[in-house]
Amino acid sequence: RLQLQIRLPKVRSTITATPWSLPKDGAAGPGSRTPHHGSALCSTRVKPVPPVAVPCASSAKDVTEILEFIAAKLKIVETARLKKSCRHCQTMVQPEAPSRPVSRGMAGPGLLAHILVSKFDDHIPLYRQNEIFARQGVEIPRSTLIDWCGQAVAVLRPLTDMIRQEVVGADLLHADDTPIQVLDPRLRQAGKPRGVKEGRIWTYLRDPRPWGGSDPPAVAYWFSPDRKGINPQTHLAQFRGILQADAYAGFRDLYKPDATGTVRVREAACWAHLRRAFHDVWKGSFSTIAREVLEQIGELYDIERQITGHPAPYRLAIRQEKSRPRVAAFHAWCEAQLARIPGKGELAKAIRYALNRWAAFTLFVEDGRVAIDNNPAERAIRPVCVGRKNYLFAGSDAGGDNIADAMTLIESAKLSGLNPPDYLADVLARINEHKMNRLHELLPWNWKPGKRELIPTLACCMRIALVHAAAFLVFLTGAIGTWLVSSDFC
């Protein structure tokens, strides 16, 4: 199987397990030219002193450091399975073939993880990866890379579904969406000049870290071929709690009471969107009213910086003391200004946007868990925006689903502090042999590496031992029978 291997330089060196450290005179601060290399290997080369005729010289050394790059390369891993056979009982034993991440595929887990992370996290299109592999001496067609991406994502899909269930099971979510171009040959057949439609990637983020929650952070992505409101309503069909999002009309049905009059989802608005509207007015006309709004909202953000990371009760107490009076004063100020300015201008439109959704804008001063804005969801959707500038479009609706599935695993792993290539390589190597009722052990926040070969190897050895014992018993029974027949015992 193909997988990545580090090419070590052919130099006389001593590799130590101690990472490089920063100079003793202090850590590297902003603007320092010293790179952070805490996880790099350290290779020491000793240059001997040339022979000198100085009998009184004493020993000392000067140490200098350079940061070097060790290039990666591909290799083929061959697995030779030895087998034994018995001529007497016609029994043959042989270890089982190792499982592969992709059935009958040549790509190993490390290579598949590298391809997925390169495309969906480093945003390197597959045609560029094809060129990179060619420089390393292996020609992997782009069609093969596409197949491997789809097959690897399909193998990981049970974990993706579990992450989505965990996310929508929370009681507080951030939501956002962004467009993505999708190829659709039917449009060209229908006479349209471009066979491209606009799909959508939706993101839902659970992140209790700002208020000290105990649940691990996770993010779920979905793809849809359009932006109809039925899409988020389907994604959040089982959700109960507070949804922080923009003013997209497709979310409105979620906020309506059900048949029993119970409000299943409460809306929390985003002050960053509101600030952006006033900032656009100020940037275009230098309005003093818009400038005053920016200053008032800035005071609220100053308070939020002081309470980020504190428990929800503490955040609520500070907001009640400091933020609520400012929010109430801002509401009264907006009503007063709305009566003085032209009703059809952009400034009046921004003020009405705030007043019409005032309950959603003030929810953060009633619940310490609610954020003041929806910036966490916008940060979660940003990798999709960067990626679409590189790979330009998804090849089909199935390709859009693959993007959403891969992003769910990679971004959730990053939120858990994991290295995505290491995590995906380990999971791809284990998931086909992992018990379904213990699949939760492979979720990013539960994942522990280094134990994947213990149980399969032990089971394989036990099976081989049992086969050997059975073969020996058959042979022993036959030998005893032959001896009894050939003797006068009977």
Protein backbone atom coordinates (compact mmCIF):
# COMPACT_ATOMS: atom_id res chain seq x y z
CA ARG A 1 0.00 0.00 0.00
CA LEU A 2 1.03 3.51 -0.75
CA GLN A 3 1.65 5.75 2.20
CA LEU A 4 3.90 8.63 3.14
CA GLN A 5 7.40 8.22 4.50
CA ILE A 6 9.88 10.79 5.68
CA ARG A 7 13.13 10.85 3.73
CA LEU A 8 15.92 11.35 6.24
CA PRO A 9 19.08 13.07 4.99
CA LYS A 10 22.07 10.79 4.48
CA VAL A 11 24.35 12.58 6.88
CA ARG A 12 26.21 11.44 9.90
CA SER A 13 23.91 12.64 12.63
CA THR A 14 22.50 11.76 16.00
CA ILE A 15 18.69 12.05 16.20
CA THR A 16 17.44 12.95 19.65
CA ALA A 17 13.90 13.03 20.97
CA THR A 18 14.37 16.43 22.55
CA PRO A 19 12.63 19.18 20.53
CA TRP A 20 14.37 22.37 19.70
CA SER A 21 13.95 25.11 22.22
CA LEU A 22 13.96 28.86 22.05
CA PRO A 23 17.02 30.82 23.15
CA LYS A 24 17.47 31.14 26.90
CA ASP A 25 17.37 34.91 26.79
CA GLY A 26 13.62 34.88 26.22
CA ALA A 27 10.83 33.57 24.09
CA ALA A 28 10.26 34.82 20.61
CA GLY A 29 7.76 37.64 20.64
CA PRO A 30 5.85 39.44 17.90
CA GLY A 31 8.13 40.37 15.04
CA SER A 32 10.88 37.95 16.06
CA ARG A 33 12.64 36.14 13.25
CA THR A 34 13.06 32.98 15.35
CA PRO A 35 10.54 30.37 14.12
CA HIS A 36 8.61 28.16 16.50
CA HIS A 37 9.93 24.63 16.06
CA GLY A 38 8.91 22.87 19.26
CA SER A 39 7.77 19.70 17.44
CA ALA A 40 10.75 19.37 15.08
CA LEU A 41 13.36 16.64 15.32
CA CYS A 42 16.81 17.72 16.42
CA SER A 43 19.81 16.52 14.40
CA THR A 44 23.24 17.20 15.90
CA ARG A 45 26.38 17.28 13.79
CA VAL A 46 29.69 17.58 15.63
CA LYS A 47 32.59 19.18 13.77
CA PRO A 48 35.90 18.09 15.36
CA VAL A 49 38.66 20.57 16.08
CA PRO A 50 41.58 20.27 13.63
CA PRO A 51 44.84 19.13 15.19
CA VAL A 52 46.77 22.08 16.60
CA ALA A 53 49.99 22.29 18.47
CA VAL A 54 48.56 24.05 21.50
CA PRO A 55 49.11 21.78 24.50
CA CYS A 56 47.44 24.23 26.87
CA ALA A 57 44.13 24.47 24.91
CA SER A 58 40.87 23.64 26.72
CA SER A 59 37.65 22.23 25.19
CA ALA A 60 34.53 24.28 24.47
CA LYS A 61 31.90 24.52 21.76
CA ASP A 62 29.67 26.98 19.95
CA VAL A 63 26.22 25.77 18.85
CA THR A 64 24.34 27.23 15.89
CA GLU A 65 20.94 26.15 14.58
CA ILE A 66 19.28 26.09 11.16
CA LEU A 67 15.76 24.91 10.42
CA GLU A 68 15.81 22.35 7.59
CA PHE A 69 13.00 20.76 5.59
CA ILE A 70 12.76 16.96 5.27
CA ALA A 71 10.91 16.12 2.06
CA ALA A 72 8.23 13.44 2.06
CA LYS A 73 7.97 10.65 -0.48
CA LEU A 74 5.71 7.74 -1.36
CA LYS A 75 6.53 4.11 -0.78
CA ILE A 76 4.96 0.74 -1.45
CA VAL A 77 4.37 -1.46 1.58
CA GLU A 78 4.32 -5.15 0.74
CA THR A 79 2.73 -7.59 3.19
CA ALA A 80 4.03 -11.17 2.89
CA ARG A 81 1.65 -13.66 4.54
CA LEU A 82 3.47 -16.87 5.36
CA LYS A 83 1.45 -20.09 5.29
CA LYS A 84 1.92 -23.62 6.60
CA SER A 85 0.34 -26.86 5.48
CA CYS A 86 0.18 -30.41 6.84
CA ARG A 87 0.56 -33.29 4.41
CA HIS A 88 -1.23 -35.74 6.72
CA CYS A 89 -4.43 -33.81 7.51
CA GLN A 90 -4.39 -31.56 4.43
CA THR A 91 -4.73 -28.46 6.64
CA MET A 92 -3.28 -25.09 5.67
CA VAL A 93 -3.01 -22.09 7.96
CA GLN A 94 -2.23 -18.52 6.94
CA PRO A 95 -2.72 -15.12 8.63
CA GLU A 96 -5.58 -13.04 7.33
CA ALA A 97 -4.85 -10.30 4.85
CA PRO A 98 -4.67 -6.85 6.46
CA SER A 99 -7.75 -4.75 5.97
CA ARG A 100 -7.61 -1.77 3.63
CA PRO A 101 -9.35 1.56 4.10
CA VAL A 102 -10.82 1.26 0.61
CA SER A 103 -11.86 -2.17 -0.61
CA ARG A 104 -9.41 -3.45 -3.26
CA GLY A 105 -7.79 -0.02 -3.28
CA MET A 106 -4.06 0.59 -3.37
CA ALA A 107 -4.09 3.78 -1.27
CA GLY A 108 -3.07 3.38 2.35
CA PRO A 109 -4.61 5.33 5.24
CA GLY A 110 -1.75 7.82 5.38
CA LEU A 111 -2.05 8.66 1.70
CA LEU A 112 -5.85 8.99 1.85
CA ALA A 113 -5.59 11.26 4.88
CA HIS A 114 -2.97 13.38 3.09
CA ILE A 115 -5.20 13.76 0.02
CA LEU A 116 -8.27 14.72 2.06
CA VAL A 117 -6.42 17.25 4.23
CA SER A 118 -4.60 18.73 1.23
CA LYS A 119 -7.87 19.29 -0.62
CA PHE A 120 -10.28 20.31 2.13
CA ASP A 121 -7.97 21.94 4.69
CA ASP A 122 -4.99 23.17 2.65
CA HIS A 123 -7.30 23.86 -0.33
CA ILE A 124 -5.04 22.23 -2.93
CA PRO A 125 -7.13 21.05 -5.92
CA LEU A 126 -6.65 17.47 -7.07
CA TYR A 127 -5.00 18.46 -10.33
CA ARG A 128 -2.27 20.23 -8.34
CA GLN A 129 -1.89 17.20 -6.10
CA ASN A 130 -1.45 15.12 -9.24
CA GLU A 131 1.46 17.36 -10.23
CA ILE A 132 2.99 17.12 -6.75
CA PHE A 133 2.84 13.31 -6.78
CA ALA A 134 4.34 13.28 -10.27
CA ARG A 135 7.34 15.27 -8.99
CA GLN A 136 7.75 12.56 -6.36
CA GLY A 137 7.87 9.88 -9.04
CA VAL A 138 4.34 8.49 -8.84
CA GLU A 139 1.73 9.25 -11.48
CA ILE A 140 -1.73 9.15 -9.90
CA PRO A 141 -4.43 10.24 -12.38
CA ARG A 142 -6.86 12.89 -11.23
CA SER A 143 -9.78 10.51 -11.83
CA THR A 144 -8.16 8.09 -9.36
CA LEU A 145 -7.73 10.86 -6.79
CA ILE A 146 -11.40 11.77 -7.20
CA ASP A 147 -12.42 8.14 -6.62
CA TRP A 148 -10.18 7.86 -3.56
CA CYS A 149 -11.65 11.05 -2.06
CA GLY A 150 -15.20 9.78 -2.50
CA GLN A 151 -14.40 6.31 -1.18
CA ALA A 152 -12.51 7.60 1.84
CA VAL A 153 -15.32 10.01 2.74
CA ALA A 154 -17.82 7.14 2.39
CA VAL A 155 -15.77 5.01 4.81
CA LEU A 156 -15.75 7.88 7.33
CA ARG A 157 -19.44 8.75 6.88
CA PRO A 158 -20.62 6.88 10.03
CA LEU A 159 -18.42 9.21 12.10
CA THR A 160 -19.70 12.24 10.19
CA ASP A 161 -23.29 11.27 10.97
CA MET A 162 -22.44 10.85 14.65
CA ILE A 163 -20.83 14.30 14.80
CA ARG A 164 -23.93 15.83 13.23
CA GLN A 165 -26.19 14.10 15.74
CA GLU A 166 -24.01 15.41 18.57
CA VAL A 167 -24.10 18.95 17.21
CA VAL A 168 -27.87 19.20 16.68
CA GLY A 169 -28.35 17.64 20.12
CA ALA A 170 -26.91 20.77 21.74
CA ASP A 171 -29.09 23.53 23.18
CA LEU A 172 -27.11 26.43 21.70
CA LEU A 173 -25.86 26.63 18.11
CA HIS A 174 -24.29 29.11 15.72
CA ALA A 175 -25.47 28.82 12.10
CA ASP A 176 -24.33 30.25 8.78
CA ASP A 177 -24.22 29.35 5.09
CA THR A 178 -22.29 30.22 1.96
CA PRO A 179 -22.78 29.58 -1.77
CA ILE A 180 -20.77 27.10 -3.81
CA GLN A 181 -20.80 26.47 -7.56
CA VAL A 182 -21.91 22.99 -8.64
CA LEU A 183 -21.70 21.47 -12.11
CA ASP A 184 -25.06 20.40 -13.52
CA PRO A 185 -25.01 19.11 -17.13
CA ARG A 186 -28.81 19.20 -17.25
CA LEU A 187 -28.69 23.00 -17.33
CA ARG A 188 -26.60 22.97 -20.49
CA GLN A 189 -28.93 20.41 -22.03
CA ALA A 190 -31.82 22.73 -21.23
CA GLY A 191 -30.21 25.44 -23.36
CA LYS A 192 -28.49 27.54 -20.70
CA PRO A 193 -24.98 28.76 -21.59
CA ARG A 194 -23.40 27.53 -18.37
CA GLY A 195 -23.98 24.13 -16.85
CA VAL A 196 -23.40 25.49 -13.34
CA LYS A 197 -25.86 26.02 -10.51
CA GLU A 198 -25.45 27.59 -7.09
CA GLY A 199 -25.51 25.14 -4.23
CA ARG A 200 -25.13 25.87 -0.55
CA ILE A 201 -22.91 24.75 2.32
CA TRP A 202 -24.51 25.09 5.76
CA THR A 203 -22.59 25.07 9.02
CA TYR A 204 -23.80 24.57 12.59
CA LEU A 205 -21.30 25.10 15.39
CA ARG A 206 -21.39 23.95 19.01
CA ASP A 207 -18.71 25.78 20.97
CA PRO A 208 -19.24 26.19 24.74
CA ARG A 209 -15.65 27.29 25.40
CA PRO A 210 -16.41 31.06 25.68
CA TRP A 211 -18.66 30.40 28.68
CA GLY A 212 -16.78 27.42 30.17
CA GLY A 213 -19.17 24.68 29.07
CA SER A 214 -18.21 21.03 29.48
CA ASP A 215 -19.27 19.73 26.05
CA PRO A 216 -16.48 19.42 23.48
CA PRO A 217 -16.62 21.85 20.54
CA ALA A 218 -17.79 20.40 17.23
CA VAL A 219 -19.04 21.65 13.89
CA ALA A 220 -21.33 20.04 11.32
CA TYR A 221 -21.62 20.91 7.64
CA TRP A 222 -24.40 20.07 5.20
CA PHE A 223 -24.68 20.54 1.46
CA SER A 224 -27.88 21.43 -0.36
CA PRO A 225 -28.47 22.11 -4.08
CA ASP A 226 -30.37 25.35 -3.26
CA ARG A 227 -31.06 27.82 -0.45
CA LYS A 228 -34.66 26.96 0.29
CA GLY A 229 -35.79 27.23 3.89
CA ILE A 230 -36.63 23.54 4.01
CA ASN A 231 -32.90 22.78 4.17
CA PRO A 232 -32.09 24.28 7.59
CA GLN A 233 -35.49 23.15 8.83
CA THR A 234 -34.55 19.57 7.92
CA HIS A 235 -31.05 19.85 9.39
CA LEU A 236 -32.44 21.21 12.69
CA ALA A 237 -35.59 19.08 12.88
CA GLN A 238 -34.46 17.62 16.24
CA PHE A 239 -32.86 20.79 17.59
CA ARG A 240 -34.22 22.43 20.73
CA GLY A 241 -32.64 25.58 22.09
CA ILE A 242 -31.12 28.90 20.99
CA LEU A 243 -30.01 29.44 17.40
CA GLN A 244 -27.70 32.37 16.70
CA ALA A 245 -27.76 33.28 13.02
CA ASP A 246 -28.34 36.11 10.58
CA ALA A 247 -31.71 37.37 9.41
CA TYR A 248 -32.15 34.71 6.68
CA ALA A 249 -35.87 34.19 6.07
CA GLY A 250 -35.47 30.41 5.91
CA PHE A 251 -34.89 30.33 9.68
CA ARG A 252 -38.18 32.07 10.51
CA ASP A 253 -40.29 28.91 10.55
CA LEU A 254 -37.95 27.47 13.16
CA TYR A 255 -38.75 30.35 15.52
CA LYS A 256 -42.53 29.93 15.24
CA PRO A 257 -44.48 28.14 18.01
CA ASP A 258 -45.57 24.58 17.25
CA ALA A 259 -49.14 23.24 17.40
CA THR A 260 -49.06 23.24 21.21
CA GLY A 261 -47.87 26.85 21.36
CA THR A 262 -44.36 25.89 22.47
CA VAL A 263 -41.42 27.79 21.02
CA ARG A 264 -38.90 25.11 20.10
CA VAL A 265 -36.10 27.41 18.87
CA ARG A 266 -35.28 30.88 20.16
CA GLU A 267 -33.53 33.40 17.95
CA ALA A 268 -30.33 35.19 18.94
CA ALA A 269 -29.23 37.98 16.59
CA CYS A 270 -25.74 39.08 15.63
CA TRP A 271 -24.46 42.49 16.68
CA ALA A 272 -21.58 42.16 14.20
CA HIS A 273 -24.09 42.18 11.32
CA LEU A 274 -25.78 45.23 12.82
CA ARG A 275 -22.48 47.02 13.27
CA ARG A 276 -21.53 46.19 9.67
CA ALA A 277 -24.66 47.92 8.38
CA PHE A 278 -23.85 51.15 10.24
CA HIS A 279 -20.18 50.89 9.27
CA ASP A 280 -21.13 50.79 5.58
CA VAL A 281 -23.21 53.95 6.06
CA TRP A 282 -20.40 55.73 7.88
CA LYS A 283 -17.83 54.65 5.29
CA GLY A 284 -19.99 55.92 2.44
CA SER A 285 -21.23 59.22 3.89
CA PHE A 286 -19.21 59.81 7.09
CA SER A 287 -22.48 60.16 8.97
CA THR A 288 -22.01 61.35 12.54
CA ILE A 289 -25.07 59.33 13.60
CA ALA A 290 -23.54 56.14 12.20
CA ARG A 291 -20.27 57.00 13.91
CA GLU A 292 -22.06 57.34 17.24
CA VAL A 293 -23.66 53.90 16.76
CA LEU A 294 -20.26 52.36 16.15
CA GLU A 295 -18.97 53.86 19.38
CA GLN A 296 -21.93 52.56 21.38
CA ILE A 297 -21.59 49.04 19.97
CA GLY A 298 -17.83 49.22 20.59
CA GLU A 299 -18.50 49.74 24.32
CA LEU A 300 -20.52 46.51 24.37
CA TYR A 301 -17.64 44.63 22.75
CA ASP A 302 -15.22 46.07 25.32
CA ILE A 303 -17.32 44.45 28.03
CA GLU A 304 -17.42 41.13 26.13
CA ARG A 305 -13.64 40.96 25.91
CA GLN A 306 -13.42 41.07 29.70
CA ILE A 307 -15.79 38.14 30.28
CA THR A 308 -14.79 35.76 27.48
CA GLY A 309 -13.93 32.37 28.96
CA HIS A 310 -15.72 32.99 32.26
CA PRO A 311 -18.64 30.85 33.47
CA ALA A 312 -22.13 31.72 32.26
CA PRO A 313 -23.42 33.02 35.64
CA TYR A 314 -20.52 35.46 35.88
CA ARG A 315 -21.03 36.62 32.29
CA LEU A 316 -24.72 37.15 32.95
CA ALA A 317 -24.05 39.17 36.10
CA ILE A 318 -21.59 41.48 34.31
CA ARG A 319 -23.95 41.93 31.37
CA GLN A 320 -26.85 42.80 33.67
CA GLU A 321 -24.71 45.35 35.42
CA LYS A 322 -22.88 46.95 32.49
CA SER A 323 -24.38 45.89 29.16
CA ARG A 324 -28.12 46.09 29.86
CA PRO A 325 -28.15 49.86 30.63
CA ARG A 326 -26.18 50.54 27.45
CA VAL A 327 -28.49 48.35 25.37
CA ALA A 328 -31.57 50.11 26.77
CA ALA A 329 -30.03 53.51 26.06
CA PHE A 330 -29.19 52.40 22.51
CA HIS A 331 -32.81 51.34 21.94
CA ALA A 332 -34.15 54.73 23.08
CA TRP A 333 -31.53 56.53 20.99
CA CYS A 334 -32.49 54.53 17.85
CA GLU A 335 -36.17 55.40 18.26
CA ALA A 336 -35.34 59.07 18.68
CA GLN A 337 -33.05 59.15 15.64
CA LEU A 338 -35.52 57.28 13.43
CA ALA A 339 -37.96 60.17 13.76
CA ARG A 340 -35.33 62.69 12.62
CA ILE A 341 -33.77 61.07 9.55
CA PRO A 342 -35.20 60.24 6.09
CA GLY A 343 -37.20 57.03 6.27
CA LYS A 344 -35.91 55.58 2.97
CA GLY A 345 -32.19 56.00 3.60
CA GLU A 346 -29.68 53.29 4.43
CA LEU A 347 -29.28 54.65 7.96
CA ALA A 348 -33.01 54.32 8.68
CA LYS A 349 -32.96 50.84 7.18
CA ALA A 350 -30.16 49.79 9.56
CA ILE A 351 -32.03 51.23 12.58
CA ARG A 352 -35.25 49.43 11.63
CA TYR A 353 -33.27 46.21 11.22
CA ALA A 354 -32.28 46.50 14.89
CA LEU A 355 -35.68 47.58 16.24
CA ASN A 356 -37.67 44.94 14.36
CA ARG A 357 -35.55 42.13 15.87
CA TRP A 358 -34.91 43.72 19.25
CA ALA A 359 -35.83 40.63 21.29
CA ALA A 360 -33.24 38.61 19.37
CA PHE A 361 -30.61 41.32 19.79
CA THR A 362 -31.12 41.54 23.56
CA LEU A 363 -31.15 37.80 24.29
CA PHE A 364 -27.43 37.89 25.11
CA VAL A 365 -28.10 40.06 28.19
CA GLU A 366 -30.64 37.49 29.46
CA ASP A 367 -28.51 34.35 29.01
CA GLY A 368 -24.82 34.20 29.86
CA ARG A 369 -24.19 31.42 27.33
CA VAL A 370 -25.29 33.46 24.31
CA ALA A 371 -22.57 35.28 22.39
CA ILE A 372 -22.93 38.89 21.32
CA ASP A 373 -22.42 37.98 17.66
CA ASN A 374 -22.31 35.10 15.22
CA ASN A 375 -18.63 35.41 14.39
CA PRO A 376 -17.86 31.81 15.50
CA ALA A 377 -20.09 30.50 12.69
CA GLU A 378 -18.51 32.89 10.20
CA ARG A 379 -15.07 31.61 11.18
CA ALA A 380 -16.31 28.04 10.75
CA ILE A 381 -17.62 28.75 7.24
CA ARG A 382 -14.48 30.61 6.13
CA PRO A 383 -12.52 27.44 5.08
CA VAL A 384 -15.28 26.69 2.58
CA CYS A 385 -14.95 30.22 1.15
CA VAL A 386 -11.18 29.82 0.83
CA GLY A 387 -11.55 26.38 -0.74
CA ARG A 388 -14.02 27.43 -3.42
CA LYS A 389 -11.55 30.06 -4.66
CA ASN A 390 -9.15 27.20 -5.42
CA TYR A 391 -11.22 24.26 -6.62
CA LEU A 392 -13.86 26.68 -8.04
CA PHE A 393 -16.81 24.23 -8.02
CA ALA A 394 -18.08 20.83 -6.95
CA GLY A 395 -18.37 18.29 -9.74
CA SER A 396 -21.87 17.20 -8.73
CA ASP A 397 -24.28 17.15 -5.81
CA ALA A 398 -22.43 14.08 -4.54
CA GLY A 399 -19.23 16.13 -4.66
CA GLY A 400 -20.92 18.80 -2.54
CA ASP A 401 -21.86 16.14 0.01
CA ASN A 402 -18.23 14.97 0.08
CA ILE A 403 -17.08 18.52 0.81
CA ALA A 404 -19.52 18.83 3.72
CA ASP A 405 -18.61 15.40 5.14
CA ALA A 406 -14.85 15.95 4.91
CA MET A 407 -15.10 19.44 6.41
CA THR A 408 -17.16 18.10 9.32
CA LEU A 409 -14.42 15.66 10.33
CA ILE A 410 -11.44 17.92 9.65
CA GLU A 411 -12.79 21.05 11.33
CA SER A 412 -14.11 19.12 14.33
CA ALA A 413 -10.69 17.51 14.73
CA LYS A 414 -9.07 20.95 14.68
CA LEU A 415 -11.51 22.21 17.32
CA SER A 416 -10.41 19.29 19.52
CA GLY A 417 -6.77 20.28 19.11
CA LEU A 418 -5.86 17.34 16.85
CA ASN A 419 -3.60 17.23 13.83
CA PRO A 420 -6.03 16.31 11.00
CA PRO A 421 -3.59 14.12 8.99
CA ASP A 422 -2.68 12.05 12.05
CA TYR A 423 -6.30 11.72 13.14
CA LEU A 424 -7.68 10.76 9.73
CA ALA A 425 -4.84 8.31 8.99
CA ASP A 426 -5.39 6.51 12.28
CA VAL A 427 -9.17 6.41 11.92
CA LEU A 428 -9.00 5.18 8.31
CA ALA A 429 -6.68 2.38 9.42
CA ARG A 430 -9.01 1.28 12.24
CA ILE A 431 -12.59 2.00 11.30
CA ASN A 432 -13.24 -1.08 9.15
CA GLU A 433 -12.28 -3.40 12.02
CA HIS A 434 -13.74 -1.29 14.81
CA LYS A 435 -16.89 -2.50 16.53
CA MET A 436 -19.96 -0.51 15.58
CA ASN A 437 -21.15 -0.21 19.19
CA ARG A 438 -17.81 1.42 20.08
CA LEU A 439 -17.61 3.75 17.10
CA HIS A 440 -17.92 6.73 19.42
CA GLU A 441 -14.32 6.03 20.52
CA LEU A 442 -13.16 7.36 17.14
CA LEU A 443 -14.89 10.73 17.47
CA PRO A 444 -12.36 13.58 17.61
CA TRP A 445 -12.94 14.42 21.28
CA ASN A 446 -12.70 10.72 22.31
CA TRP A 447 -9.91 9.62 19.97
CA LYS A 448 -6.79 7.97 21.40
CA PRO A 449 -4.11 6.80 18.96
CA GLY A 450 -1.76 3.84 19.13
CA LYS A 451 -4.08 0.96 20.05
CA ARG A 452 -5.43 -0.09 16.71
CA GLU A 453 -3.27 -3.21 16.16
CA LEU A 454 -3.47 -4.82 19.59
CA ILE A 455 -6.89 -6.45 19.42
CA PRO A 456 -6.79 -7.59 15.75
CA THR A 457 -3.29 -9.07 16.21
CA LEU A 458 -4.32 -10.89 19.38
CA ALA A 459 -7.43 -12.29 17.71
CA CYS A 460 -5.41 -13.39 14.68
CA CYS A 461 -2.86 -15.16 16.89
CA MET A 462 -5.62 -16.94 18.81
CA ARG A 463 -7.22 -18.12 15.57
CA ILE A 464 -3.90 -19.45 14.28
CA ALA A 465 -3.25 -21.20 17.60
CA LEU A 466 -6.66 -22.85 17.49
CA VAL A 467 -6.10 -24.03 13.93
CA HIS A 468 -2.70 -25.45 14.88
CA ALA A 469 -4.21 -27.22 17.90
CA ALA A 470 -7.00 -28.71 15.79
CA ALA A 471 -4.52 -29.88 13.16
CA PHE A 472 -2.33 -31.45 15.83
CA LEU A 473 -5.31 -33.27 17.35
CA VAL A 474 -6.31 -34.62 13.95
CA PHE A 475 -2.76 -35.78 13.31
CA LEU A 476 -2.49 -37.35 16.79
CA THR A 477 -5.81 -39.16 16.40
CA GLY A 478 -4.75 -40.55 13.03
CA ALA A 479 -1.38 -41.68 14.37
CA ILE A 480 -2.95 -43.44 17.35
CA GLY A 481 -5.49 -45.15 15.12
CA THR A 482 -2.77 -46.33 12.77
CA TRP A 483 -0.75 -47.68 15.70
CA LEU A 484 -3.72 -49.53 17.16
CA VAL A 485 -4.58 -51.11 13.82
CA SER A 486 -0.99 -52.20 13.18
CA SER A 487 -0.51 -53.65 16.71
CA ASP A 488 -2.04 -56.67 18.38
CA PHE A 489 -3.82 -54.47 20.96
CA CYS A 490 -7.18 -55.07 19.32
